[in-house]
Protein backbone atom coordinates (compact mmCIF):
# COMPACT_ATOMS: atom_id res chain seq x y z
CA MET A 1 -3.79 -4.74 -0.57
CA ARG A 2 -2.04 -8.12 -0.80
CA ILE A 3 -0.47 -6.96 -4.07
CA VAL A 4 1.57 -4.40 -2.13
CA MET A 5 3.13 -7.17 -0.03
CA LEU A 6 3.75 -9.44 -3.01
CA PHE A 7 5.25 -6.92 -5.40
CA ASP A 8 6.56 -4.27 -2.98
CA LEU A 9 7.34 -0.75 -4.21
CA PRO A 10 6.01 -0.78 -7.81
CA ALA A 11 2.60 -1.79 -6.49
CA VAL A 12 2.78 0.95 -3.86
CA ASP A 13 3.15 3.51 -6.64
CA VAL A 14 0.07 2.07 -8.38
CA VAL A 15 -1.95 2.10 -5.15
CA LEU A 16 -1.01 5.70 -4.46
CA ALA A 17 -2.11 6.63 -7.97
CA THR A 18 -5.62 5.23 -7.43
CA PRO A 19 -8.43 7.21 -5.77
CA GLY A 20 -8.35 6.49 -2.04
CA GLY A 21 -5.19 4.43 -2.45
CA SER A 22 -3.07 6.59 -0.16
CA GLN A 23 -5.65 6.30 2.64
CA ALA A 24 -5.85 2.52 2.19
CA LEU A 25 -2.06 2.26 2.23
CA ALA A 26 -1.89 4.37 5.39
CA ARG A 27 -4.35 2.04 7.13
CA LEU A 28 -2.34 -0.99 5.99
CA LEU A 29 0.88 0.48 7.36
CA GLU A 30 -0.82 1.23 10.67
CA ARG A 31 -1.72 -2.45 10.99
CA ASN A 32 1.57 -3.81 9.60
CA PRO A 33 4.45 -1.39 10.21
CA PRO A 34 7.45 -2.00 7.90
CA GLY A 35 10.15 -4.11 9.51
């Protein structure tokens, strides 16, 4: 999930396109809310 922090939105699109990516991203955002 470090890629999301390094490369921001383009990586988010890739993560969401992978199986289970949206769930993983949701857990990441719960731990590290934007801002």
